[in-house]
């Protein structure tokens, strides 16, 4: 199994998946397999879960990582972020 395909219920991994589901990762920080796993995870979410993920990303980009992690806890397990 490739890294990034394992799933985690940890809010930190869920937040990273939400943040990286549609990124090109121009800095090449993440393995391609992880980014693909994030895209597949997000695509499989229900529309209401996608809204939850978007709200969490918004909170994170406004500087409130704690709120973002509290928001994503309701989402299904997400790909394990290789950088955490």
C-alpha atoms as a PDB file:
ATOM      1  CA  UNK A   1       0.000   0.000   0.000  1.00  0.00           C
ATOM      2  CA  UNK A   2       1.408   3.415  -0.953  1.00  0.00           C
ATOM      3  CA  UNK A   3       1.764   6.144   1.629  1.00  0.00           C
ATOM      4  CA  UNK A   4      -1.238   8.426   1.402  1.00  0.00           C
ATOM      5  CA  UNK A   5      -3.629   5.559   0.832  1.00  0.00           C
ATOM      6  CA  UNK A   6      -3.774   4.623   4.509  1.00  0.00           C
ATOM      7  CA  UNK A   7      -6.661   6.351   6.285  1.00  0.00           C
ATOM      8  CA  UNK A   8      -6.673   8.212   9.575  1.00  0.00           C
ATOM      9  CA  UNK A   9      -9.451   9.520  11.779  1.00  0.00           C
ATOM     10  CA  UNK A  10      -7.064  12.146  13.198  1.00  0.00           C
ATOM     11  CA  UNK A  11      -8.410  15.685  12.564  1.00  0.00           C
ATOM     12  CA  UNK A  12      -4.912  16.828  11.536  1.00  0.00           C
ATOM     13  CA  UNK A  13      -4.939  14.347   8.629  1.00  0.00           C
ATOM     14  CA  UNK A  14      -8.515  15.249   7.699  1.00  0.00           C
ATOM     15  CA  UNK A  15      -7.587  18.935   7.614  1.00  0.00           C
ATOM     16  CA  UNK A  16      -4.538  18.258   5.435  1.00  0.00           C
ATOM     17  CA  UNK A  17      -6.660  16.218   3.028  1.00  0.00           C
ATOM     18  CA  UNK A  18      -9.183  19.055   2.824  1.00  0.00           C
ATOM     19  CA  UNK A  19      -6.387  21.553   2.203  1.00  0.00           C
ATOM     20  CA  UNK A  20      -4.688  19.406  -0.444  1.00  0.00           C
ATOM     21  CA  UNK A  21      -7.583  17.904  -2.396  1.00  0.00           C
ATOM     22  CA  UNK A  22      -7.309  20.384  -5.261  1.00  0.00           C
ATOM     23  CA  UNK A  23      -3.773  21.695  -5.080  1.00  0.00           C
ATOM     24  CA  UNK A  24      -1.087  21.388  -7.705  1.00  0.00           C
ATOM     25  CA  UNK A  25       1.550  21.324  -4.897  1.00  0.00           C
ATOM     26  CA  UNK A  26       3.900  23.609  -6.793  1.00  0.00           C
ATOM     27  CA  UNK A  27       6.532  23.194  -4.061  1.00  0.00           C
ATOM     28  CA  UNK A  28       6.490  19.405  -4.560  1.00  0.00           C
ATOM     29  CA  UNK A  29       6.108  18.872  -0.809  1.00  0.00           C
ATOM     30  CA  UNK A  30       3.779  15.890  -1.138  1.00  0.00           C
ATOM     31  CA  UNK A  31       4.069  12.606  -3.031  1.00  0.00           C
ATOM     32  CA  UNK A  32       1.755  12.516  -6.044  1.00  0.00           C
ATOM     33  CA  UNK A  33       0.025   9.431  -4.622  1.00  0.00           C
ATOM     34  CA  UNK A  34      -0.979  11.445  -1.530  1.00  0.00           C
ATOM     35  CA  UNK A  35      -2.482  14.261  -3.597  1.00  0.00           C
ATOM     36  CA  UNK A  36      -4.427  11.750  -5.700  1.00  0.00           C
ATOM     37  CA  UNK A  37      -5.666  10.068  -2.507  1.00  0.00           C
ATOM     38  CA  UNK A  38      -6.835  13.469  -1.210  1.00  0.00           C
ATOM     39  CA  UNK A  39      -8.679  14.154  -4.471  1.00  0.00           C
ATOM     40  CA  UNK A  40     -10.369  10.743  -4.325  1.00  0.00           C
ATOM     41  CA  UNK A  41     -11.276  11.256  -0.654  1.00  0.00           C
ATOM     42  CA  UNK A  42     -12.852  14.645  -1.356  1.00  0.00           C
ATOM     43  CA  UNK A  43     -14.712  13.368  -4.428  1.00  0.00           C
ATOM     44  CA  UNK A  44     -16.224  10.550  -2.357  1.00  0.00           C
ATOM     45  CA  UNK A  45     -17.555  12.969   0.284  1.00  0.00           C
ATOM     46  CA  UNK A  46     -21.259  13.795   0.337  1.00  0.00           C
ATOM     47  CA  UNK A  47     -22.144  17.341  -0.691  1.00  0.00           C
ATOM     48  CA  UNK A  48     -22.725  18.284   2.944  1.00  0.00           C
ATOM     49  CA  UNK A  49     -19.319  16.846   3.931  1.00  0.00           C
ATOM     50  CA  UNK A  50     -17.698  18.819   1.100  1.00  0.00           C
ATOM     51  CA  UNK A  51     -19.252  21.965   2.570  1.00  0.00           C
ATOM     52  CA  UNK A  52     -17.868  21.012   5.990  1.00  0.00           C
ATOM     53  CA  UNK A  53     -14.407  20.560   4.462  1.00  0.00           C
ATOM     54  CA  UNK A  54     -14.669  23.945   2.715  1.00  0.00           C
ATOM     55  CA  UNK A  55     -15.666  25.685   5.962  1.00  0.00           C
ATOM     56  CA  UNK A  56     -12.678  24.080   7.689  1.00  0.00           C
ATOM     57  CA  UNK A  57     -10.320  25.236   4.935  1.00  0.00           C
ATOM     58  CA  UNK A  58     -11.750  28.735   5.248  1.00  0.00           C
ATOM     59  CA  UNK A  59     -11.186  28.737   9.017  1.00  0.00           C
ATOM     60  CA  UNK A  60      -7.624  27.489   8.514  1.00  0.00           C
ATOM     61  CA  UNK A  61      -6.798  30.125   5.897  1.00  0.00           C
ATOM     62  CA  UNK A  62      -8.088  32.783   8.308  1.00  0.00           C
ATOM     63  CA  UNK A  63      -5.553  31.550  10.863  1.00  0.00           C
ATOM     64  CA  UNK A  64      -7.748  29.418  13.113  1.00  0.00           C
ATOM     65  CA  UNK A  65      -6.259  25.937  12.898  1.00  0.00           C
ATOM     66  CA  UNK A  66      -7.958  24.864  16.146  1.00  0.00           C
ATOM     67  CA  UNK A  67     -11.412  25.705  14.789  1.00  0.00           C
ATOM     68  CA  UNK A  68     -10.572  23.987  11.498  1.00  0.00           C
ATOM     69  CA  UNK A  69      -9.612  20.768  13.301  1.00  0.00           C
ATOM     70  CA  UNK A  70     -12.785  20.953  15.388  1.00  0.00           C
ATOM     71  CA  UNK A  71     -14.836  21.298  12.201  1.00  0.00           C
ATOM     72  CA  UNK A  72     -13.267  18.377  10.296  1.00  0.00           C
ATOM     73  CA  UNK A  73     -13.684  15.847  13.107  1.00  0.00           C
ATOM     74  CA  UNK A  74     -17.119  14.911  11.670  1.00  0.00           C
ATOM     75  CA  UNK A  75     -15.627  13.906   8.303  1.00  0.00           C
ATOM     76  CA  UNK A  76     -14.786  10.299   7.396  1.00  0.00           C
ATOM     77  CA  UNK A  77     -11.195   9.053   7.775  1.00  0.00           C
ATOM     78  CA  UNK A  78      -8.807  10.773   5.379  1.00  0.00           C
ATOM     79  CA  UNK A  79      -5.498   9.858   3.739  1.00  0.00           C
ATOM     80  CA  UNK A  80      -2.561   9.905   6.133  1.00  0.00           C
ATOM     81  CA  UNK A  81      -0.448  12.990   5.459  1.00  0.00           C
ATOM     82  CA  UNK A  82       3.181  11.911   4.991  1.00  0.00           C
ATOM     83  CA  UNK A  83       4.447  15.208   6.468  1.00  0.00           C
ATOM     84  CA  UNK A  84       2.704  14.865   9.838  1.00  0.00           C
END
